């Protein structure tokens, strides 16, 4: 029969926790930069279009 002991997670070491936080913010910055670049590309494409609704 399997043991019904509850698994208790061990605390994360401080240096490992710093790496996790740094990685989290690095991924967040990459996503933010990608979204800003995508917005700038979209804005320039919209700006370059001719306005066909006002003839």
PDB file of N, CA and C in Angstrom:
ATOM      1  N   UNK A   1       0.823  -1.188   0.000  1.00  0.00           N
ATOM      2  CA  UNK A   1       0.000   0.000   0.000  1.00  0.00           C
ATOM      3  C   UNK A   1       0.867   1.251   0.000  1.00  0.00           C
ATOM      4  N   UNK A   2       0.371   2.274  -0.631  1.00  0.00           N
ATOM      5  CA  UNK A   2       1.120   3.527  -0.692  1.00  0.00           C
ATOM      6  C   UNK A   2       1.042   4.265   0.634  1.00  0.00           C
ATOM      7  N   UNK A   3       2.084   4.997   0.902  1.00  0.00           N
ATOM      8  CA  UNK A   3       2.115   5.807   2.109  1.00  0.00           C
ATOM      9  C   UNK A   3       1.256   7.045   1.900  1.00  0.00           C
ATOM     10  N   UNK A   4       0.495   7.401   2.894  1.00  0.00           N
ATOM     11  CA  UNK A   4      -0.372   8.580   2.805  1.00  0.00           C
ATOM     12  C   UNK A   4       0.280   9.812   3.398  1.00  0.00           C
ATOM     13  N   UNK A   5       1.605   9.813   3.480  1.00  0.00           N
ATOM     14  CA  UNK A   5       2.312  10.972   4.020  1.00  0.00           C
ATOM     15  C   UNK A   5       2.191  12.146   3.059  1.00  0.00           C
ATOM     16  N   UNK A   6       1.981  13.282   3.620  1.00  0.00           N
ATOM     17  CA  UNK A   6       1.855  14.484   2.812  1.00  0.00           C
ATOM     18  C   UNK A   6       3.245  15.022   2.491  1.00  0.00           C
ATOM     19  N   UNK A   7       3.463  15.350   1.210  1.00  0.00           N
ATOM     20  CA  UNK A   7       4.753  15.887   0.814  1.00  0.00           C
ATOM     21  C   UNK A   7       4.849  17.344   1.228  1.00  0.00           C
ATOM     22  N   UNK A   8       5.930  17.687   1.860  1.00  0.00           N
ATOM     23  CA  UNK A   8       6.161  19.063   2.294  1.00  0.00           C
ATOM     24  C   UNK A   8       7.287  19.616   1.445  1.00  0.00           C
ATOM     25  N   UNK A   9       7.016  20.733   0.754  1.00  0.00           N
ATOM     26  CA  UNK A   9       8.057  21.315  -0.085  1.00  0.00           C
ATOM     27  C   UNK A   9       9.084  22.023   0.789  1.00  0.00           C
ATOM     28  N   UNK A  10      10.311  21.907   0.385  1.00  0.00           N
ATOM     29  CA  UNK A  10      11.402  22.539   1.111  1.00  0.00           C
ATOM     30  C   UNK A  10      11.498  24.001   0.692  1.00  0.00           C
ATOM     31  N   UNK A  11      11.915  24.878   1.583  1.00  0.00           N
ATOM     32  CA  UNK A  11      12.075  26.282   1.201  1.00  0.00           C
ATOM     33  C   UNK A  11      13.161  26.427   0.127  1.00  0.00           C
ATOM     34  N   UNK A  12      12.965  27.389  -0.737  1.00  0.00           N
ATOM     35  CA  UNK A  12      13.905  27.627  -1.817  1.00  0.00           C
ATOM     36  C   UNK A  12      15.070  28.451  -1.271  1.00  0.00           C
ATOM     37  N   UNK A  13      16.278  28.083  -1.668  1.00  0.00           N
ATOM     38  CA  UNK A  13      17.457  28.827  -1.229  1.00  0.00           C
ATOM     39  C   UNK A  13      17.381  30.261  -1.746  1.00  0.00           C
ATOM     40  N   UNK A  14      17.978  31.180  -1.012  1.00  0.00           N
ATOM     41  CA  UNK A  14      17.891  32.602  -1.371  1.00  0.00           C
ATOM     42  C   UNK A  14      18.510  32.890  -2.733  1.00  0.00           C
ATOM     43  N   UNK A  15      19.639  32.268  -3.037  1.00  0.00           N
ATOM     44  CA  UNK A  15      20.279  32.509  -4.333  1.00  0.00           C
ATOM     45  C   UNK A  15      19.418  31.962  -5.473  1.00  0.00           C
ATOM     46  N   UNK A  16      18.785  30.817  -5.236  1.00  0.00           N
ATOM     47  CA  UNK A  16      17.903  30.251  -6.260  1.00  0.00           C
ATOM     48  C   UNK A  16      16.663  31.114  -6.438  1.00  0.00           C
ATOM     49  N   UNK A  17      16.165  31.675  -5.349  1.00  0.00           N
ATOM     50  CA  UNK A  17      14.993  32.547  -5.407  1.00  0.00           C
ATOM     51  C   UNK A  17      15.323  33.816  -6.197  1.00  0.00           C
ATOM     52  N   UNK A  18      16.521  34.354  -6.010  1.00  0.00           N
ATOM     53  CA  UNK A  18      16.937  35.538  -6.766  1.00  0.00           C
ATOM     54  C   UNK A  18      16.969  35.230  -8.255  1.00  0.00           C
ATOM     55  N   UNK A  19      17.445  34.044  -8.613  1.00  0.00           N
ATOM     56  CA  UNK A  19      17.480  33.653 -10.023  1.00  0.00           C
ATOM     57  C   UNK A  19      16.071  33.523 -10.595  1.00  0.00           C
ATOM     58  N   UNK A  20      15.140  33.001  -9.793  1.00  0.00           N
ATOM     59  CA  UNK A  20      13.770  32.867 -10.259  1.00  0.00           C
ATOM     60  C   UNK A  20      13.131  34.239 -10.493  1.00  0.00           C
ATOM     61  N   UNK A  21      13.356  35.165  -9.572  1.00  0.00           N
ATOM     62  CA  UNK A  21      12.795  36.514  -9.702  1.00  0.00           C
ATOM     63  C   UNK A  21      13.413  37.223 -10.903  1.00  0.00           C
ATOM     64  N   UNK A  22      14.720  37.090 -11.063  1.00  0.00           N
ATOM     65  CA  UNK A  22      15.399  37.728 -12.191  1.00  0.00           C
ATOM     66  C   UNK A  22      14.878  37.166 -13.512  1.00  0.00           C
ATOM     67  N   UNK A  23      14.700  35.863 -13.583  1.00  0.00           N
ATOM     68  CA  UNK A  23      14.165  35.236 -14.796  1.00  0.00           C
ATOM     69  C   UNK A  23      12.753  35.708 -15.094  1.00  0.00           C
ATOM     70  N   UNK A  24      11.942  35.844 -14.049  1.00  0.00           N
ATOM     71  CA  UNK A  24      10.558  36.302 -14.212  1.00  0.00           C
ATOM     72  C   UNK A  24      10.530  37.695 -14.833  1.00  0.00           C
ATOM     73  N   UNK A  25      11.349  38.612 -14.307  1.00  0.00           N
ATOM     74  CA  UNK A  25      11.361  39.975 -14.831  1.00  0.00           C
ATOM     75  C   UNK A  25      11.995  40.045 -16.212  1.00  0.00           C
ATOM     76  N   UNK A  26      12.972  39.183 -16.486  1.00  0.00           N
ATOM     77  CA  UNK A  26      13.593  39.159 -17.808  1.00  0.00           C
ATOM     78  C   UNK A  26      12.568  38.726 -18.860  1.00  0.00           C
ATOM     79  N   UNK A  27      11.796  37.703 -18.564  1.00  0.00           N
ATOM     80  CA  UNK A  27      10.756  37.250 -19.500  1.00  0.00           C
ATOM     81  C   UNK A  27       9.709  38.341 -19.678  1.00  0.00           C
ATOM     82  N   UNK A  28       9.339  39.009 -18.600  1.00  0.00           N
ATOM     83  CA  UNK A  28       8.371  40.108 -18.683  1.00  0.00           C
ATOM     84  C   UNK A  28       8.865  41.246 -19.558  1.00  0.00           C
ATOM     85  N   UNK A  29      10.138  41.587 -19.442  1.00  0.00           N
ATOM     86  CA  UNK A  29      10.704  42.659 -20.272  1.00  0.00           C
ATOM     87  C   UNK A  29      10.741  42.255 -21.736  1.00  0.00           C
ATOM     88  N   UNK A  30      11.063  41.004 -22.021  1.00  0.00           N
ATOM     89  CA  UNK A  30      11.078  40.533 -23.413  1.00  0.00           C
ATOM     90  C   UNK A  30       9.681  40.631 -24.017  1.00  0.00           C
ATOM     91  N   UNK A  31       8.669  40.234 -23.250  1.00  0.00           N
ATOM     92  CA  UNK A  31       7.284  40.322 -23.736  1.00  0.00           C
ATOM     93  C   UNK A  31       6.898  41.776 -23.958  1.00  0.00           C
ATOM     94  N   UNK A  32       7.254  42.665 -23.031  1.00  0.00           N
ATOM     95  CA  UNK A  32       6.927  44.087 -23.180  1.00  0.00           C
ATOM     96  C   UNK A  32       7.583  44.683 -24.414  1.00  0.00           C
ATOM     97  N   UNK A  33       8.844  44.381 -24.629  1.00  0.00           N
ATOM     98  CA  UNK A  33       9.550  44.911 -25.799  1.00  0.00           C
ATOM     99  C   UNK A  33       8.915  44.393 -27.086  1.00  0.00           C
ATOM    100  N   UNK A  34       8.561  43.112 -27.115  1.00  0.00           N
ATOM    101  CA  UNK A  34       7.926  42.541 -28.306  1.00  0.00           C
ATOM    102  C   UNK A  34       6.590  43.226 -28.598  1.00  0.00           C
ATOM    103  N   UNK A  35       5.812  43.510 -27.572  1.00  0.00           N
ATOM    104  CA  UNK A  35       4.521  44.169 -27.774  1.00  0.00           C
ATOM    105  C   UNK A  35       4.696  45.614 -28.240  1.00  0.00           C
ATOM    106  N   UNK A  36       5.668  46.322 -27.700  1.00  0.00           N
ATOM    107  CA  UNK A  36       5.908  47.700 -28.124  1.00  0.00           C
ATOM    108  C   UNK A  36       6.365  47.732 -29.582  1.00  0.00           C
ATOM    109  N   UNK A  37       7.251  46.819 -29.966  1.00  0.00           N
ATOM    110  CA  UNK A  37       7.709  46.761 -31.358  1.00  0.00           C
ATOM    111  C   UNK A  37       6.544  46.432 -32.286  1.00  0.00           C
ATOM    112  N   UNK A  38       5.699  45.479 -31.883  1.00  0.00           N
ATOM    113  CA  UNK A  38       4.532  45.130 -32.699  1.00  0.00           C
ATOM    114  C   UNK A  38       3.593  46.323 -32.845  1.00  0.00           C
ATOM    115  N   UNK A  39       3.399  47.092 -31.787  1.00  0.00           N
ATOM    116  CA  UNK A  39       2.542  48.270 -31.850  1.00  0.00           C
ATOM    117  C   UNK A  39       3.130  49.327 -32.778  1.00  0.00           C
ATOM    118  N   UNK A  40       4.436  49.549 -32.701  1.00  0.00           N
ATOM    119  CA  UNK A  40       5.078  50.553 -33.564  1.00  0.00           C
ATOM    120  C   UNK A  40       4.950  50.144 -35.030  1.00  0.00           C
ATOM    121  N   UNK A  41       5.168  48.862 -35.321  1.00  0.00           N
ATOM    122  CA  UNK A  41       5.017  48.385 -36.701  1.00  0.00           C
ATOM    123  C   UNK A  41       3.588  48.586 -37.166  1.00  0.00           C
ATOM    124  N   UNK A  42       2.614  48.234 -36.331  1.00  0.00           N
ATOM    125  CA  UNK A  42       1.210  48.410 -36.696  1.00  0.00           C
ATOM    126  C   UNK A  42       0.890  49.893 -36.917  1.00  0.00           C
ATOM    127  N   UNK A  43       1.393  50.764 -36.040  1.00  0.00           N
ATOM    128  CA  UNK A  43       1.097  52.197 -36.150  1.00  0.00           C
ATOM    129  C   UNK A  43       1.655  52.781 -37.442  1.00  0.00           C
ATOM    130  N   UNK A  44       2.876  52.420 -37.809  1.00  0.00           N
ATOM    131  CA  UNK A  44       3.457  52.940 -39.054  1.00  0.00           C
ATOM    132  C   UNK A  44       2.705  52.423 -40.269  1.00  0.00           C
ATOM    133  N   UNK A  45       2.245  51.178 -40.226  1.00  0.00           N
ATOM    134  CA  UNK A  45       1.465  50.649 -41.358  1.00  0.00           C
ATOM    135  C   UNK A  45       0.122  51.361 -41.477  1.00  0.00           C
ATOM    136  N   UNK A  46      -0.517  51.671 -40.338  1.00  0.00           N
ATOM    137  CA  UNK A  46      -1.788  52.386 -40.367  1.00  0.00           C
ATOM    138  C   UNK A  46      -1.596  53.822 -40.832  1.00  0.00           C
ATOM    139  N   UNK A  47      -0.513  54.452 -40.430  1.00  0.00           N
ATOM    140  CA  UNK A  47      -0.230  55.826 -40.785  1.00  0.00           C
ATOM    141  C   UNK A  47       0.028  55.957 -42.282  1.00  0.00           C
ATOM    142  N   UNK A  48       0.627  54.938 -42.884  1.00  0.00           N
ATOM    143  CA  UNK A  48       0.952  54.978 -44.296  1.00  0.00           C
ATOM    144  C   UNK A  48      -0.224  54.703 -45.221  1.00  0.00           C
ATOM    145  N   UNK A  49      -1.330  54.191 -44.670  1.00  0.00           N
ATOM    146  CA  UNK A  49      -2.496  53.886 -45.511  1.00  0.00           C
ATOM    147  C   UNK A  49      -3.182  55.166 -45.948  1.00  0.00           C
ATOM    148  N   UNK A  50      -3.717  55.136 -47.132  1.00  0.00           N
ATOM    149  CA  UNK A  50      -4.501  56.264 -47.616  1.00  0.00           C
ATOM    150  C   UNK A  50      -5.887  56.205 -47.011  1.00  0.00           C
ATOM    151  N   UNK A  51      -6.454  57.349 -46.687  1.00  0.00           N
ATOM    152  CA  UNK A  51      -7.790  57.400 -46.123  1.00  0.00           C
ATOM    153  C   UNK A  51      -8.795  57.342 -47.269  1.00  0.00           C
ATOM    154  N   UNK A  52      -9.461  56.199 -47.427  1.00  0.00           N
ATOM    155  CA  UNK A  52     -10.391  56.019 -48.545  1.00  0.00           C
ATOM    156  C   UNK A  52     -11.828  56.357 -48.171  1.00  0.00           C
ATOM    157  N   UNK A  53     -12.101  56.617 -46.904  1.00  0.00           N
ATOM    158  CA  UNK A  53     -13.486  56.899 -46.489  1.00  0.00           C
ATOM    159  C   UNK A  53     -13.902  58.322 -46.865  1.00  0.00           C
ATOM    160  N   UNK A  54     -12.984  59.263 -46.994  1.00  0.00           N
ATOM    161  CA  UNK A  54     -13.304  60.651 -47.367  1.00  0.00           C
ATOM    162  C   UNK A  54     -12.982  60.899 -48.827  1.00  0.00           C
ATOM    163  N   UNK A  55     -13.921  60.600 -49.688  1.00  0.00           N
ATOM    164  CA  UNK A  55     -13.694  60.806 -51.140  1.00  0.00           C
ATOM    165  C   UNK A  55     -14.252  62.126 -51.588  1.00  0.00           C
TER     166      UNK A  55
END
